[in-house]
N, C-alpha and C. Protein backbone atom coordinates (compact mmCIF):
# COMPACT_ATOMS: atom_id res chain seq x y z
N MET A 1 22.48 7.46 -7.36
CA MET A 1 21.78 7.78 -6.16
C MET A 1 22.81 6.77 -5.34
N ARG A 2 24.09 7.25 -4.65
CA ARG A 2 25.09 6.33 -4.25
C ARG A 2 24.60 6.60 -2.63
N ASP A 3 24.26 7.77 -2.40
CA ASP A 3 23.84 7.96 -0.33
C ASP A 3 22.35 7.05 -0.35
N THR A 4 22.77 7.31 0.80
CA THR A 4 21.15 6.28 1.59
C THR A 4 20.19 7.36 1.39
N ALA A 5 18.91 7.30 0.68
CA ALA A 5 18.05 7.91 0.52
C ALA A 5 17.14 8.16 1.80
N ARG A 6 16.86 9.32 2.02
CA ARG A 6 16.24 9.36 3.60
C ARG A 6 14.61 10.28 3.35
N LEU A 7 13.06 9.66 3.39
CA LEU A 7 11.80 9.85 2.98
C LEU A 7 11.15 10.06 4.72
N ASP A 8 10.04 10.48 4.47
CA ASP A 8 9.55 10.79 5.42
C ASP A 8 9.24 9.50 6.50
N VAL A 9 9.00 8.21 5.98
CA VAL A 9 9.23 6.92 6.78
C VAL A 9 10.25 6.68 7.35
N PRO A 10 10.61 6.22 8.49
CA PRO A 10 12.15 5.91 8.65
C PRO A 10 12.56 4.64 8.36
N TYR A 11 13.60 4.24 7.74
CA TYR A 11 13.65 2.91 7.20
C TYR A 11 14.88 2.49 7.10
N PRO A 12 15.35 1.74 8.48
CA PRO A 12 16.58 1.67 8.77
C PRO A 12 17.83 0.62 7.71
N ALA A 13 18.22 0.65 7.44
CA ALA A 13 19.37 -0.35 6.75
C ALA A 13 19.68 -1.72 7.70
N GLU A 14 19.14 -1.53 8.68
CA GLU A 14 19.09 -3.08 9.62
C GLU A 14 17.86 -2.80 10.50
N GLY A 15 17.74 -3.94 10.99
CA GLY A 15 16.82 -3.97 12.32
C GLY A 15 15.56 -4.01 11.81
N PRO A 16 14.36 -3.52 12.45
CA PRO A 16 13.29 -4.04 12.16
C PRO A 16 12.95 -3.01 10.91
N ILE A 17 12.09 -3.21 9.89
CA ILE A 17 11.73 -2.32 8.82
C ILE A 17 10.24 -1.70 9.83
N SER A 18 10.32 -0.14 9.64
CA SER A 18 9.10 0.67 9.88
C SER A 18 7.63 -0.11 9.24
N GLN A 19 6.61 -0.17 10.42
CA GLN A 19 5.13 -0.54 9.61
C GLN A 19 4.84 0.70 8.73
N ALA A 20 5.11 1.75 8.80
CA ALA A 20 4.54 2.40 7.95
C ALA A 20 4.63 2.74 6.75
N ALA A 21 5.76 2.29 6.16
CA ALA A 21 6.08 2.29 5.27
C ALA A 21 5.32 1.26 4.39
N LEU A 22 4.77 1.62 3.04
CA LEU A 22 4.10 0.81 2.16
C LEU A 22 5.06 0.30 1.16
N ALA A 23 6.42 0.52 0.57
CA ALA A 23 7.13 -0.15 -0.10
C ALA A 23 8.55 0.68 0.25
N GLY A 24 9.27 -0.40 -0.02
CA GLY A 24 10.77 -0.39 0.70
C GLY A 24 11.68 -0.98 -0.22
N LEU A 25 13.10 -0.17 -0.20
CA LEU A 25 14.44 -0.68 -0.61
C LEU A 25 15.29 -0.96 0.90
N ARG A 26 15.74 -2.10 1.10
CA ARG A 26 16.81 -2.14 1.99
C ARG A 26 18.37 -2.20 1.50
N ARG A 27 19.25 -1.30 1.83
CA ARG A 27 20.35 -1.82 1.11
C ARG A 27 20.98 -2.12 -0.07
N VAL A 28 19.96 -1.94 -1.30
CA VAL A 28 19.90 -2.56 -2.54
C VAL A 28 20.80 -1.59 -3.29
N THR A 29 21.28 -3.07 -4.14
CA THR A 29 22.33 -2.63 -5.00
C THR A 29 22.25 -2.94 -6.38
N VAL A 30 22.45 -2.25 -7.33
CA VAL A 30 22.49 -3.17 -8.73
C VAL A 30 23.32 -2.72 -9.65
N GLU A 31 23.88 -3.36 -10.53
CA GLU A 31 24.97 -2.94 -11.30
C GLU A 31 24.19 -3.77 -12.66
N ARG A 32 25.30 -3.42 -13.71
CA ARG A 32 24.74 -3.36 -14.78
C ARG A 32 25.93 -3.34 -15.64
N GLU A 33 26.53 -4.50 -16.45
CA GLU A 33 27.73 -4.23 -17.19
C GLU A 33 28.96 -3.65 -16.49
N GLY A 34 28.89 -4.03 -15.03
CA GLY A 34 30.38 -3.70 -14.80
C GLY A 34 30.39 -2.15 -13.98
N ARG A 35 28.91 -1.64 -14.37
CA ARG A 35 28.70 -0.48 -13.69
C ARG A 35 28.02 -0.48 -12.31
N ARG A 36 28.33 0.36 -11.49
CA ARG A 36 26.96 0.15 -10.21
C ARG A 36 25.70 1.35 -10.43
N LEU A 37 24.79 1.34 -10.48
CA LEU A 37 23.79 2.16 -10.72
C LEU A 37 23.27 2.72 -9.56
N ILE A 38 23.26 1.85 -8.82
CA ILE A 38 22.61 2.37 -7.06
C ILE A 38 23.56 1.30 -6.06
N ASP A 39 23.77 1.99 -5.13
CA ASP A 39 24.50 1.47 -4.30
C ASP A 39 24.16 1.60 -2.80
N GLY A 40 23.52 0.46 -2.22
CA GLY A 40 23.30 0.52 -0.88
C GLY A 40 22.01 0.99 -0.69
N LEU A 41 21.26 1.55 -1.36
CA LEU A 41 20.05 2.08 -1.35
C LEU A 41 18.93 2.10 -0.54
N SER A 42 18.43 2.48 0.81
CA SER A 42 17.35 2.41 1.62
C SER A 42 16.64 3.33 1.60
N LEU A 43 15.45 3.26 1.57
CA LEU A 43 14.68 4.11 1.83
C LEU A 43 13.17 3.50 1.95
N GLY A 44 12.55 4.16 2.37
CA GLY A 44 10.75 3.86 2.60
C GLY A 44 9.77 4.94 2.23
N LEU A 45 8.79 4.20 1.47
CA LEU A 45 7.57 5.06 1.00
C LEU A 45 6.39 5.04 1.89
N PRO A 46 6.03 6.10 2.37
CA PRO A 46 4.88 6.27 3.27
C PRO A 46 3.83 5.87 2.10
N PRO A 47 2.74 5.22 2.90
CA PRO A 47 1.36 4.96 2.22
C PRO A 47 0.35 5.76 2.06
N ASP A 48 0.38 6.66 2.16
CA ASP A 48 -0.36 7.71 1.85
C ASP A 48 0.35 9.00 1.24
N GLY A 49 -0.56 9.83 0.53
CA GLY A 49 0.50 11.43 0.26
C GLY A 49 0.90 11.29 -1.23
N ILE A 50 1.56 12.19 -1.54
CA ILE A 50 2.22 12.00 -3.13
C ILE A 50 4.31 12.24 -2.47
N THR A 51 4.67 11.05 -3.02
CA THR A 51 6.21 10.83 -2.81
C THR A 51 6.34 11.44 -4.24
N VAL A 52 7.70 12.32 -4.43
CA VAL A 52 8.27 12.47 -5.49
C VAL A 52 9.80 11.99 -5.25
N ILE A 53 10.09 11.37 -6.35
CA ILE A 53 11.70 11.09 -6.29
C ILE A 53 12.11 11.95 -7.32
N MET A 54 13.05 12.75 -7.11
CA MET A 54 14.08 13.71 -8.15
C MET A 54 15.50 13.20 -8.17
N GLY A 55 16.13 13.55 -9.12
CA GLY A 55 17.23 13.69 -9.32
C GLY A 55 17.73 14.14 -10.61
N ALA A 56 19.25 14.27 -10.73
CA ALA A 56 19.75 14.43 -12.02
C ALA A 56 19.77 13.06 -12.83
N ASN A 57 19.87 13.62 -14.52
CA ASN A 57 19.89 12.42 -15.02
C ASN A 57 20.58 11.12 -15.08
N GLY A 58 20.75 10.07 -15.11
CA GLY A 58 21.42 8.87 -14.80
C GLY A 58 21.34 8.69 -13.30
N ALA A 59 20.46 9.32 -12.65
CA ALA A 59 20.85 9.42 -11.09
C ALA A 59 20.16 8.10 -10.39
N GLY A 60 19.50 7.15 -11.52
CA GLY A 60 19.04 5.62 -10.72
C GLY A 60 17.60 6.07 -10.25
N LYS A 61 16.57 7.16 -10.56
CA LYS A 61 15.67 7.27 -10.03
C LYS A 61 14.47 6.11 -11.22
N SER A 62 15.05 5.79 -12.53
CA SER A 62 13.89 4.94 -12.88
C SER A 62 14.35 3.30 -12.87
N VAL A 63 15.39 3.40 -12.15
CA VAL A 63 16.13 1.84 -12.05
C VAL A 63 15.53 1.75 -10.26
N CYS A 64 15.26 2.84 -9.60
CA CYS A 64 14.32 2.53 -8.04
C CYS A 64 13.32 2.27 -8.44
N LEU A 65 12.22 3.02 -9.44
CA LEU A 65 11.06 2.78 -9.46
C LEU A 65 10.83 1.41 -10.29
N ARG A 66 11.43 0.90 -11.15
CA ARG A 66 11.61 -0.46 -11.71
C ARG A 66 12.20 -1.60 -10.38
N LEU A 67 12.61 -1.08 -9.39
CA LEU A 67 13.14 -2.15 -8.42
C LEU A 67 11.57 -2.15 -7.31
N LEU A 68 11.44 -1.12 -6.96
CA LEU A 68 10.42 -1.10 -6.32
C LEU A 68 8.79 -2.11 -7.22
N HIS A 69 8.77 -1.92 -8.22
CA HIS A 69 7.45 -2.71 -9.10
C HIS A 69 7.99 -4.13 -9.54
N GLY A 70 9.31 -4.53 -8.76
CA GLY A 70 9.43 -5.81 -9.52
C GLY A 70 9.75 -6.32 -10.83
N LEU A 71 10.39 -4.95 -11.31
CA LEU A 71 10.30 -4.96 -13.20
C LEU A 71 12.08 -5.92 -13.32
N ILE A 72 12.88 -5.76 -12.04
CA ILE A 72 14.34 -5.84 -12.29
C ILE A 72 14.20 -6.18 -10.45
N ALA A 73 15.39 -7.00 -10.42
CA ALA A 73 15.84 -7.92 -8.96
C ALA A 73 17.09 -6.96 -8.64
N PRO A 74 17.15 -6.71 -7.60
CA PRO A 74 18.66 -6.39 -7.17
C PRO A 74 19.58 -7.28 -7.36
N ASP A 75 20.69 -6.72 -7.27
CA ASP A 75 21.83 -7.74 -7.38
C ASP A 75 22.05 -7.87 -5.86
N ASP A 76 21.92 -6.98 -4.64
CA ASP A 76 22.04 -7.48 -3.67
C ASP A 76 20.76 -6.38 -2.65
N GLY A 77 20.65 -7.09 -1.43
CA GLY A 77 19.41 -6.04 -0.61
C GLY A 77 18.27 -6.69 -0.90
N GLN A 78 17.09 -5.88 -0.14
CA GLN A 78 16.15 -6.23 -0.43
C GLN A 78 15.29 -5.48 -0.85
N VAL A 79 14.13 -5.84 -1.37
CA VAL A 79 12.81 -4.86 -1.78
C VAL A 79 11.51 -5.59 -1.23
N THR A 80 10.50 -4.29 -0.34
CA THR A 80 9.53 -4.84 0.48
C THR A 80 8.25 -4.26 -0.08
N TRP A 81 6.93 -4.64 -0.09
CA TRP A 81 5.92 -4.28 0.31
C TRP A 81 4.93 -4.49 1.76
N ARG A 82 4.74 -3.58 2.28
CA ARG A 82 4.19 -4.09 3.72
C ARG A 82 4.93 -4.68 4.34
N ASP A 83 6.28 -4.23 4.48
CA ASP A 83 7.08 -5.24 5.33
C ASP A 83 7.31 -6.56 5.21
N ARG A 84 7.09 -7.03 3.81
CA ARG A 84 7.17 -8.37 3.59
C ARG A 84 7.90 -8.06 2.00
N PRO A 85 8.80 -9.52 1.94
CA PRO A 85 9.23 -9.45 0.53
C PRO A 85 8.03 -9.00 -0.64
N LEU A 86 8.74 -8.45 -1.88
CA LEU A 86 7.64 -8.24 -2.86
C LEU A 86 7.70 -9.42 -3.51
N ASP A 87 6.37 -10.08 -3.63
CA ASP A 87 6.11 -11.09 -4.67
C ASP A 87 4.93 -10.79 -5.39
N ASP A 88 4.40 -11.93 -6.42
CA ASP A 88 3.78 -11.75 -7.18
C ASP A 88 1.77 -10.86 -6.72
N ALA A 89 1.71 -11.23 -5.36
CA ALA A 89 0.53 -10.79 -4.94
C ALA A 89 0.66 -9.10 -4.39
N ALA A 90 1.98 -8.84 -3.94
CA ALA A 90 2.02 -7.69 -3.70
C ALA A 90 1.90 -6.75 -5.46
N ARG A 91 2.78 -7.54 -6.36
CA ARG A 91 2.72 -6.67 -7.93
C ARG A 91 1.80 -6.41 -8.31
N ARG A 92 0.27 -7.29 -8.04
CA ARG A 92 -0.91 -7.13 -8.19
C ARG A 92 -1.45 -5.68 -7.55
N GLN A 93 -1.15 -4.88 -6.57
CA GLN A 93 -1.73 -4.16 -6.11
C GLN A 93 -0.73 -2.63 -6.36
N GLN A 94 -0.17 -2.74 -7.00
CA GLN A 94 0.76 -1.71 -7.80
C GLN A 94 0.50 -1.29 -8.97
N SER A 95 0.90 0.12 -9.64
CA SER A 95 0.89 0.36 -11.06
C SER A 95 1.91 1.41 -11.29
N LEU A 96 2.38 1.07 -12.17
CA LEU A 96 3.66 2.42 -12.84
C LEU A 96 2.93 2.86 -14.29
N VAL A 97 3.27 4.27 -14.40
CA VAL A 97 2.89 4.43 -15.42
C VAL A 97 4.08 4.93 -15.73
N PHE A 98 4.67 4.65 -17.32
CA PHE A 98 6.50 4.93 -17.78
C PHE A 98 5.78 6.44 -18.28
N GLN A 99 7.45 6.68 -18.90
CA GLN A 99 7.17 8.49 -19.01
C GLN A 99 6.36 8.54 -20.38
N LYS A 100 6.76 7.26 -21.45
CA LYS A 100 6.04 7.51 -22.25
C LYS A 100 4.85 6.12 -22.51
N PRO A 101 3.64 6.75 -22.45
CA PRO A 101 2.65 5.29 -21.98
C PRO A 101 2.92 4.46 -22.89
N VAL A 102 2.19 3.06 -22.77
CA VAL A 102 1.93 1.85 -23.80
C VAL A 102 0.39 1.55 -23.24
N LEU A 103 -0.10 1.83 -24.46
CA LEU A 103 -0.99 1.88 -24.85
C LEU A 103 -1.94 0.48 -25.74
N LEU A 104 -3.05 -0.13 -25.36
CA LEU A 104 -3.84 -1.01 -26.24
C LEU A 104 -4.07 -0.46 -27.80
N ARG A 105 -4.16 -0.86 -28.61
CA ARG A 105 -4.55 -0.55 -29.78
C ARG A 105 -6.21 -0.54 -29.68
N ARG A 106 -7.19 0.21 -28.82
CA ARG A 106 -8.35 -0.07 -28.89
C ARG A 106 -8.80 1.38 -28.44
N SER A 107 -10.12 1.74 -27.91
CA SER A 107 -10.25 2.98 -28.03
C SER A 107 -9.85 3.61 -26.04
N ALA A 108 -9.92 4.39 -26.14
CA ALA A 108 -9.56 4.91 -24.44
C ALA A 108 -10.52 3.91 -23.62
N GLY A 109 -11.77 3.65 -24.04
CA GLY A 109 -12.73 3.08 -22.97
C GLY A 109 -12.15 2.05 -22.96
N ALA A 110 -11.73 1.55 -24.08
CA ALA A 110 -11.36 -0.07 -23.82
C ALA A 110 -10.49 -0.50 -23.12
N ASN A 111 -9.42 0.47 -23.35
CA ASN A 111 -7.95 0.54 -22.55
C ASN A 111 -8.62 0.23 -21.13
N ILE A 112 -9.43 1.30 -20.80
CA ILE A 112 -10.13 0.90 -18.90
C ILE A 112 -10.57 -0.30 -19.21
N ASP A 113 -11.64 -0.19 -19.87
CA ASP A 113 -12.53 -1.66 -19.44
C ASP A 113 -11.63 -2.84 -19.43
N PHE A 114 -10.17 -2.92 -20.13
CA PHE A 114 -9.27 -4.41 -20.31
C PHE A 114 -8.97 -4.55 -18.86
N VAL A 115 -8.42 -3.58 -17.96
CA VAL A 115 -7.96 -3.64 -16.74
C VAL A 115 -9.35 -3.91 -15.84
N LEU A 116 -10.24 -2.98 -15.92
CA LEU A 116 -11.29 -3.60 -15.29
C LEU A 116 -11.65 -4.91 -15.68
N LYS A 117 -12.02 -5.56 -16.62
CA LYS A 117 -12.38 -6.76 -16.41
C LYS A 117 -11.39 -7.80 -16.01
N ALA A 118 -9.89 -7.68 -16.44
CA ALA A 118 -9.07 -8.00 -15.83
C ALA A 118 -9.09 -8.62 -14.37
N ARG A 119 -9.46 -6.87 -13.57
CA ARG A 119 -9.41 -7.30 -11.82
C ARG A 119 -10.74 -7.70 -11.41
N GLY A 120 -11.32 -7.97 -12.31
CA GLY A 120 -13.08 -8.64 -12.00
C GLY A 120 -13.72 -7.80 -11.68
N ARG A 121 -13.51 -6.09 -12.29
CA ARG A 121 -14.54 -4.88 -11.58
C ARG A 121 -15.25 -4.20 -12.76
N HIS A 122 -15.37 -4.77 -13.68
CA HIS A 122 -16.11 -4.28 -15.19
C HIS A 122 -17.29 -3.51 -14.82
N ASP A 123 -17.16 -2.14 -14.87
CA ASP A 123 -18.56 -1.60 -14.74
C ASP A 123 -18.48 -0.35 -15.59
N PRO A 124 -19.53 -0.08 -16.89
CA PRO A 124 -18.87 1.31 -17.69
C PRO A 124 -19.18 2.63 -17.04
N ALA A 125 -20.17 2.36 -15.70
CA ALA A 125 -20.39 3.73 -14.99
C ALA A 125 -18.61 3.90 -14.36
N ARG A 126 -17.91 2.91 -13.74
CA ARG A 126 -16.85 2.95 -13.30
C ARG A 126 -15.88 3.86 -14.31
N ARG A 127 -15.61 3.00 -15.73
CA ARG A 127 -14.60 3.33 -16.56
C ARG A 127 -14.67 4.71 -16.92
N ASP A 128 -16.44 5.17 -17.10
CA ASP A 128 -16.53 6.80 -17.22
C ASP A 128 -16.19 7.75 -16.07
N ALA A 129 -16.14 7.13 -15.03
CA ALA A 129 -15.69 7.88 -13.95
C ALA A 129 -14.35 7.91 -13.67
N LEU A 130 -13.94 7.25 -14.20
CA LEU A 130 -12.03 7.00 -14.61
C LEU A 130 -11.66 7.88 -15.19
N LEU A 131 -12.21 7.96 -16.37
CA LEU A 131 -12.09 9.13 -17.82
C LEU A 131 -12.36 10.35 -17.25
N ALA A 132 -13.32 10.48 -17.07
CA ALA A 132 -13.88 11.73 -16.24
C ALA A 132 -12.70 12.38 -15.46
N HIS A 133 -12.42 11.48 -14.43
CA HIS A 133 -11.36 11.90 -13.30
C HIS A 133 -10.11 12.64 -14.05
N VAL A 134 -9.61 12.21 -15.09
CA VAL A 134 -8.46 12.44 -15.55
C VAL A 134 -8.45 13.63 -17.03
N GLY A 135 -9.89 13.73 -16.83
CA GLY A 135 -10.18 15.27 -18.57
C GLY A 135 -10.71 14.44 -19.54
N LEU A 136 -10.93 13.01 -19.69
CA LEU A 136 -10.89 12.65 -20.59
C LEU A 136 -12.54 11.72 -20.79
N GLY A 137 -13.26 12.51 -20.01
CA GLY A 137 -14.90 11.66 -20.09
C GLY A 137 -15.41 11.84 -21.40
N ASP A 138 -15.02 12.67 -22.49
CA ASP A 138 -15.56 12.72 -23.59
C ASP A 138 -14.71 12.00 -25.08
N HIS A 139 -13.73 11.45 -24.15
CA HIS A 139 -12.88 10.56 -25.38
C HIS A 139 -13.26 9.20 -25.35
N ALA A 140 -14.15 8.76 -24.61
CA ALA A 140 -14.14 6.82 -24.57
C ALA A 140 -13.92 6.49 -25.79
N GLY A 141 -14.59 6.70 -26.58
CA GLY A 141 -14.70 6.12 -27.99
C GLY A 141 -13.64 6.46 -29.06
N ARG A 142 -13.11 7.43 -28.93
CA ARG A 142 -11.65 7.80 -29.38
C ARG A 142 -10.65 6.79 -29.40
N PRO A 143 -9.77 6.15 -30.34
CA PRO A 143 -8.69 5.52 -30.84
C PRO A 143 -7.56 5.84 -29.60
N ALA A 144 -7.31 5.42 -28.86
CA ALA A 144 -6.15 5.97 -27.63
C ALA A 144 -5.16 6.05 -28.24
N ARG A 145 -4.69 5.42 -29.83
CA ARG A 145 -3.42 5.90 -30.01
C ARG A 145 -3.74 7.45 -31.05
N SER A 146 -5.27 8.02 -30.83
CA SER A 146 -4.99 9.30 -31.73
C SER A 146 -5.16 10.31 -30.86
N LEU A 147 -5.06 9.97 -29.60
CA LEU A 147 -5.08 11.24 -28.47
C LEU A 147 -4.09 11.55 -28.72
N SER A 148 -3.48 12.92 -27.89
CA SER A 148 -2.20 13.76 -27.93
C SER A 148 -1.57 13.35 -27.01
N GLY A 149 -0.01 13.23 -27.09
CA GLY A 149 0.86 12.99 -25.53
C GLY A 149 0.49 12.98 -24.63
N GLY A 150 -0.38 14.37 -24.10
CA GLY A 150 -0.72 14.61 -22.58
C GLY A 150 -1.56 13.98 -22.41
N GLU A 151 -3.06 13.69 -23.65
CA GLU A 151 -4.35 12.96 -23.50
C GLU A 151 -3.53 11.57 -23.14
N GLN A 152 -2.79 10.96 -23.65
CA GLN A 152 -2.12 9.47 -23.83
C GLN A 152 -1.97 9.00 -22.27
N GLN A 153 -0.96 10.41 -21.57
CA GLN A 153 -0.67 9.92 -20.27
C GLN A 153 -1.71 9.93 -19.37
N ARG A 154 -2.65 10.96 -19.77
CA ARG A 154 -3.72 10.74 -18.79
C ARG A 154 -4.38 9.94 -18.83
N LEU A 155 -4.59 9.28 -20.21
CA LEU A 155 -5.38 7.92 -20.16
C LEU A 155 -4.33 6.26 -19.23
N ALA A 156 -3.21 6.65 -19.31
CA ALA A 156 -2.05 5.58 -18.77
C ALA A 156 -2.69 5.95 -17.27
N LEU A 157 -2.73 7.13 -16.60
CA LEU A 157 -2.99 7.45 -15.17
C LEU A 157 -4.57 7.02 -14.93
N ALA A 158 -5.02 7.08 -15.81
CA ALA A 158 -6.49 6.15 -15.68
C ALA A 158 -6.31 4.56 -15.75
N ARG A 159 -5.91 4.15 -16.50
CA ARG A 159 -5.86 2.62 -16.21
C ARG A 159 -5.03 2.16 -14.98
N ALA A 160 -4.15 3.08 -14.81
CA ALA A 160 -3.12 2.41 -13.46
C ALA A 160 -4.09 2.76 -12.37
N LEU A 161 -4.74 4.07 -12.28
CA LEU A 161 -6.25 3.70 -11.15
C LEU A 161 -7.35 2.53 -11.12
N ALA A 162 -7.51 2.30 -12.61
CA ALA A 162 -8.26 1.15 -12.33
C ALA A 162 -7.50 0.06 -12.01
């Protein structure tokens, strides 16, 4: 990702940030072990719709996502959420599903209940609706780790939605 990425939302490297950007990177650089992984990347993600980040292996897609979610800090530049520096309050409004999902050693339903309780929104009907939304409506009682790989991925998406 050596070139500046340009998405639908204008996100200049200098000057005011577009109010339309939900999340963004401004002139971000990341180096690890003497190797520059991201070099001066500026981008803004629109607040609605679907955004796809594509690129070859090693292009920096995962690093970009980790930056946007505050899992790693840039060596230079700024990460923003709703035109403000990324902070803990902003991170609580985000969800990230990794390629290989991390599941709790509980049932599929209990994985969703855990998040809903943590957010103060626990409601069995909400849990059931989320599971149904991802096609796991009849799997609430099954151990999460006994689900197929695709089912585990869908459970991770339901948990992110929660």
